[in-house]
N, C-alpha and C. Protein backbone atom coordinates (compact mmCIF):
# COMPACT_ATOMS: atom_id res chain seq x y z
N MET A 1 0.82 -1.18 0.00
CA MET A 1 0.00 0.00 0.00
C MET A 1 0.87 1.25 0.00
N LEU A 2 2.00 1.18 0.64
CA LEU A 2 2.89 2.33 0.69
C LEU A 2 3.40 2.70 -0.70
N LEU A 3 3.75 1.70 -1.50
CA LEU A 3 4.20 1.99 -2.87
C LEU A 3 3.05 2.57 -3.70
N GLY A 4 1.84 2.12 -3.47
CA GLY A 4 0.70 2.66 -4.18
C GLY A 4 0.45 4.11 -3.85
N ILE A 5 0.51 4.45 -2.58
CA ILE A 5 0.30 5.83 -2.16
C ILE A 5 1.43 6.72 -2.65
N THR A 6 2.67 6.26 -2.53
CA THR A 6 3.80 7.03 -3.02
C THR A 6 3.73 7.17 -4.53
N GLY A 7 3.38 6.11 -5.21
CA GLY A 7 3.24 6.16 -6.66
C GLY A 7 2.14 7.11 -7.09
N LEU A 8 1.05 7.12 -6.36
CA LEU A 8 -0.06 8.02 -6.68
C LEU A 8 0.33 9.47 -6.47
N SER A 9 1.08 9.74 -5.41
CA SER A 9 1.47 11.14 -5.15
C SER A 9 2.56 11.62 -6.10
N THR A 10 3.31 10.72 -6.72
CA THR A 10 4.36 11.13 -7.66
C THR A 10 4.03 10.77 -9.10
N SER A 11 2.80 10.38 -9.36
CA SER A 11 2.46 9.91 -10.70
C SER A 11 2.47 11.02 -11.73
N ILE A 12 2.31 12.25 -11.34
CA ILE A 12 2.31 13.34 -12.30
C ILE A 12 3.70 13.59 -12.87
N VAL A 13 4.74 13.14 -12.18
CA VAL A 13 6.11 13.31 -12.68
C VAL A 13 6.67 11.99 -13.19
N PHE A 14 5.80 11.06 -13.54
CA PHE A 14 6.11 9.80 -14.21
C PHE A 14 6.84 8.77 -13.36
N ILE A 15 7.40 9.14 -12.23
CA ILE A 15 8.05 8.17 -11.34
C ILE A 15 6.99 7.28 -10.71
N GLY A 16 5.82 7.85 -10.53
CA GLY A 16 4.73 7.11 -9.90
C GLY A 16 4.29 5.90 -10.69
N GLY A 17 4.44 5.94 -12.00
CA GLY A 17 4.09 4.78 -12.81
C GLY A 17 4.96 3.59 -12.50
N LEU A 18 6.24 3.83 -12.30
CA LEU A 18 7.17 2.76 -11.94
C LEU A 18 6.87 2.24 -10.54
N LEU A 19 6.70 3.16 -9.60
CA LEU A 19 6.39 2.75 -8.23
C LEU A 19 5.03 2.06 -8.16
N GLY A 20 4.08 2.58 -8.92
CA GLY A 20 2.76 1.96 -8.96
C GLY A 20 2.80 0.56 -9.56
N GLY A 21 3.62 0.38 -10.58
CA GLY A 21 3.77 -0.95 -11.19
C GLY A 21 4.36 -1.95 -10.21
N ILE A 22 5.38 -1.52 -9.48
CA ILE A 22 5.97 -2.40 -8.47
C ILE A 22 4.96 -2.70 -7.37
N GLY A 23 4.24 -1.66 -6.93
CA GLY A 23 3.22 -1.86 -5.90
C GLY A 23 2.10 -2.76 -6.37
N LEU A 24 1.75 -2.67 -7.64
CA LEU A 24 0.71 -3.52 -8.20
C LEU A 24 1.13 -4.99 -8.19
N ILE A 25 2.36 -5.23 -8.60
CA ILE A 25 2.88 -6.60 -8.60
C ILE A 25 2.94 -7.17 -7.18
N LEU A 26 3.48 -6.38 -6.26
CA LEU A 26 3.59 -6.86 -4.88
C LEU A 26 2.21 -7.01 -4.23
N GLY A 27 1.30 -6.10 -4.53
CA GLY A 27 -0.05 -6.21 -3.98
C GLY A 27 -0.78 -7.44 -4.47
N LEU A 28 -0.64 -7.72 -5.77
CA LEU A 28 -1.27 -8.93 -6.31
C LEU A 28 -0.65 -10.19 -5.72
N ALA A 29 0.66 -10.17 -5.53
CA ALA A 29 1.32 -11.33 -4.91
C ALA A 29 0.83 -11.53 -3.48
N PHE A 30 0.65 -10.44 -2.74
CA PHE A 30 0.16 -10.57 -1.38
C PHE A 30 -1.30 -10.99 -1.35
N LEU A 31 -2.08 -10.55 -2.33
CA LEU A 31 -3.48 -10.99 -2.39
C LEU A 31 -3.57 -12.51 -2.55
N THR A 32 -2.74 -13.06 -3.42
CA THR A 32 -2.78 -14.52 -3.61
C THR A 32 -2.29 -15.24 -2.35
N THR A 33 -1.28 -14.68 -1.70
CA THR A 33 -0.78 -15.27 -0.45
C THR A 33 -1.85 -15.19 0.64
N ALA A 34 -2.52 -14.05 0.74
CA ALA A 34 -3.55 -13.88 1.76
C ALA A 34 -4.73 -14.80 1.51
N ARG A 35 -5.05 -15.04 0.26
CA ARG A 35 -6.15 -15.94 -0.07
C ARG A 35 -5.82 -17.37 0.36
N ARG A 36 -4.55 -17.76 0.14
CA ARG A 36 -4.14 -19.12 0.53
C ARG A 36 -4.11 -19.30 2.04
N THR A 37 -3.61 -18.28 2.74
CA THR A 37 -3.46 -18.41 4.20
C THR A 37 -4.71 -18.00 4.96
N GLY A 38 -5.62 -17.30 4.31
CA GLY A 38 -6.85 -16.89 4.98
C GLY A 38 -6.71 -15.63 5.82
N THR A 39 -5.66 -14.86 5.62
CA THR A 39 -5.49 -13.62 6.38
C THR A 39 -6.28 -12.48 5.74
N ASP A 40 -6.32 -11.36 6.43
CA ASP A 40 -7.07 -10.20 5.97
C ASP A 40 -6.41 -9.62 4.70
N ARG A 41 -7.23 -9.34 3.71
CA ARG A 41 -6.73 -8.86 2.41
C ARG A 41 -6.96 -7.37 2.21
N THR A 42 -7.43 -6.66 3.21
CA THR A 42 -7.81 -5.26 3.05
C THR A 42 -6.64 -4.39 2.63
N MET A 43 -5.51 -4.52 3.29
CA MET A 43 -4.34 -3.69 2.95
C MET A 43 -3.81 -4.02 1.57
N ALA A 44 -3.80 -5.28 1.22
CA ALA A 44 -3.32 -5.68 -0.11
C ALA A 44 -4.25 -5.14 -1.19
N LEU A 45 -5.54 -5.20 -0.96
CA LEU A 45 -6.50 -4.69 -1.92
C LEU A 45 -6.37 -3.17 -2.07
N ALA A 46 -6.18 -2.48 -0.96
CA ALA A 46 -5.97 -1.04 -1.02
C ALA A 46 -4.69 -0.70 -1.78
N GLY A 47 -3.66 -1.48 -1.58
CA GLY A 47 -2.41 -1.29 -2.31
C GLY A 47 -2.55 -1.51 -3.79
N VAL A 48 -3.31 -2.54 -4.18
CA VAL A 48 -3.54 -2.82 -5.59
C VAL A 48 -4.32 -1.68 -6.23
N VAL A 49 -5.35 -1.18 -5.54
CA VAL A 49 -6.17 -0.11 -6.09
C VAL A 49 -5.37 1.18 -6.24
N THR A 50 -4.63 1.58 -5.20
CA THR A 50 -3.85 2.82 -5.30
C THR A 50 -2.72 2.69 -6.33
N SER A 51 -2.14 1.52 -6.42
CA SER A 51 -1.09 1.31 -7.42
C SER A 51 -1.65 1.38 -8.84
N ALA A 52 -2.80 0.78 -9.06
CA ALA A 52 -3.42 0.82 -10.38
C ALA A 52 -3.79 2.26 -10.75
N ILE A 53 -4.31 3.01 -9.81
CA ILE A 53 -4.63 4.42 -10.08
C ILE A 53 -3.37 5.20 -10.40
N ALA A 54 -2.27 4.93 -9.69
CA ALA A 54 -1.01 5.62 -9.96
C ALA A 54 -0.51 5.33 -11.37
N VAL A 55 -0.63 4.10 -11.81
CA VAL A 55 -0.21 3.74 -13.17
C VAL A 55 -1.08 4.46 -14.20
N VAL A 56 -2.38 4.48 -13.98
CA VAL A 56 -3.29 5.14 -14.93
C VAL A 56 -3.02 6.64 -14.99
N VAL A 57 -2.81 7.27 -13.84
CA VAL A 57 -2.53 8.71 -13.82
C VAL A 57 -1.20 9.01 -14.51
N SER A 58 -0.20 8.16 -14.32
CA SER A 58 1.09 8.36 -14.99
C SER A 58 0.96 8.25 -16.50
N VAL A 59 0.19 7.29 -16.95
CA VAL A 59 -0.02 7.13 -18.40
C VAL A 59 -0.76 8.34 -18.95
N LEU A 60 -1.80 8.80 -18.25
CA LEU A 60 -2.54 9.98 -18.71
C LEU A 60 -1.65 11.23 -18.71
N ALA A 61 -0.80 11.38 -17.69
CA ALA A 61 0.11 12.52 -17.65
C ALA A 61 1.10 12.47 -18.81
N ALA A 62 1.59 11.29 -19.15
CA ALA A 62 2.51 11.16 -20.28
C ALA A 62 1.81 11.50 -21.59
N ILE A 63 0.55 11.07 -21.74
CA ILE A 63 -0.19 11.39 -22.95
C ILE A 63 -0.41 12.89 -23.08
N VAL A 64 -0.78 13.54 -21.99
CA VAL A 64 -0.98 14.99 -22.01
C VAL A 64 0.33 15.71 -22.30
N PHE A 65 1.42 15.25 -21.72
CA PHE A 65 2.72 15.87 -21.94
C PHE A 65 3.12 15.76 -23.41
N VAL A 66 2.96 14.60 -24.00
CA VAL A 66 3.32 14.41 -25.41
C VAL A 66 2.40 15.24 -26.31
N TRP A 67 1.12 15.28 -25.99
CA TRP A 67 0.19 16.08 -26.77
C TRP A 67 0.56 17.56 -26.71
N TYR A 68 0.87 18.06 -25.51
CA TYR A 68 1.25 19.47 -25.34
C TYR A 68 2.55 19.77 -26.09
N ALA A 69 3.52 18.89 -25.98
CA ALA A 69 4.80 19.10 -26.66
C ALA A 69 4.62 19.10 -28.17
N ASN A 70 3.77 18.22 -28.68
CA ASN A 70 3.52 18.17 -30.11
C ASN A 70 2.78 19.42 -30.58
N ARG A 71 1.85 19.87 -29.76
CA ARG A 71 1.04 21.04 -30.13
C ARG A 71 1.86 22.33 -30.12
N THR A 72 2.85 22.43 -29.27
CA THR A 72 3.61 23.67 -29.10
C THR A 72 5.05 23.55 -29.58
N GLN A 73 5.37 22.62 -30.45
CA GLN A 73 6.76 22.42 -30.85
C GLN A 73 7.35 23.61 -31.59
N GLU A 74 6.53 24.43 -32.21
CA GLU A 74 7.04 25.61 -32.91
C GLU A 74 7.48 26.70 -31.94
N CYS A 75 7.13 26.60 -30.69
CA CYS A 75 7.40 27.65 -29.70
C CYS A 75 8.65 27.40 -28.88
N TYR A 76 9.45 26.42 -29.21
CA TYR A 76 10.56 26.03 -28.34
C TYR A 76 11.81 26.88 -28.47
N GLN A 77 11.90 27.79 -29.41
CA GLN A 77 13.08 28.63 -29.59
C GLN A 77 12.78 30.12 -29.42
N PRO A 78 12.04 30.52 -28.41
CA PRO A 78 11.72 31.94 -28.27
C PRO A 78 12.90 32.72 -27.68
N ASP A 79 12.85 34.04 -27.87
CA ASP A 79 13.88 34.91 -27.29
C ASP A 79 13.56 35.25 -25.84
N SER A 80 12.30 35.17 -25.46
CA SER A 80 11.92 35.49 -24.09
C SER A 80 10.72 34.63 -23.68
N PHE A 81 10.45 34.63 -22.40
CA PHE A 81 9.31 33.86 -21.90
C PHE A 81 8.01 34.45 -22.40
N GLN A 82 7.97 35.76 -22.57
CA GLN A 82 6.77 36.41 -23.08
C GLN A 82 6.46 35.95 -24.50
N GLN A 83 7.49 35.81 -25.32
CA GLN A 83 7.28 35.31 -26.67
C GLN A 83 6.81 33.86 -26.65
N TYR A 84 7.34 33.08 -25.74
CA TYR A 84 6.93 31.69 -25.61
C TYR A 84 5.45 31.61 -25.24
N THR A 85 5.03 32.37 -24.22
CA THR A 85 3.63 32.32 -23.80
C THR A 85 2.71 32.83 -24.90
N GLN A 86 3.15 33.83 -25.63
CA GLN A 86 2.34 34.33 -26.74
C GLN A 86 2.22 33.27 -27.83
N CYS A 87 3.30 32.59 -28.14
CA CYS A 87 3.27 31.54 -29.15
C CYS A 87 2.36 30.39 -28.73
N VAL A 88 2.43 29.98 -27.47
CA VAL A 88 1.58 28.91 -26.97
C VAL A 88 0.12 29.33 -27.03
N HIS A 89 -0.14 30.56 -26.63
CA HIS A 89 -1.52 31.07 -26.71
C HIS A 89 -2.03 31.04 -28.14
N GLU A 90 -1.20 31.43 -29.08
CA GLU A 90 -1.60 31.40 -30.49
C GLU A 90 -1.84 29.98 -30.99
N GLN A 91 -1.04 29.04 -30.52
CA GLN A 91 -1.21 27.64 -30.94
C GLN A 91 -2.54 27.07 -30.48
N PHE A 92 -2.99 27.47 -29.27
CA PHE A 92 -4.22 26.92 -28.73
C PHE A 92 -5.46 27.68 -29.14
N THR A 93 -5.33 28.96 -29.42
CA THR A 93 -6.52 29.74 -29.79
C THR A 93 -6.66 29.92 -31.29
N GLY A 94 -5.59 29.74 -32.03
CA GLY A 94 -5.63 29.87 -33.47
C GLY A 94 -5.56 31.31 -33.95
N ASP A 95 -5.14 32.22 -33.08
CA ASP A 95 -5.04 33.64 -33.46
C ASP A 95 -3.89 33.89 -34.38
């Protein structure tokens, strides 16, 4: 569960996808172990859910990042930040 929560909190910077993936694997392994031994599965289930959400958020963040970079690729060589923001505004509004 700790990897799932950490992965979820860092998923916007793509590290969370890796941590979430590890947490997902470990959570699923513990779920199968808990099923065999008959112990409580609540923490393992919570870990699997938070880890899965972290992976999904990381994938969505990567898609948005690639989309934004593709949409604004003409704006990457500005002379100032003001020119960059103006170029990005023009790319999204079509002015």
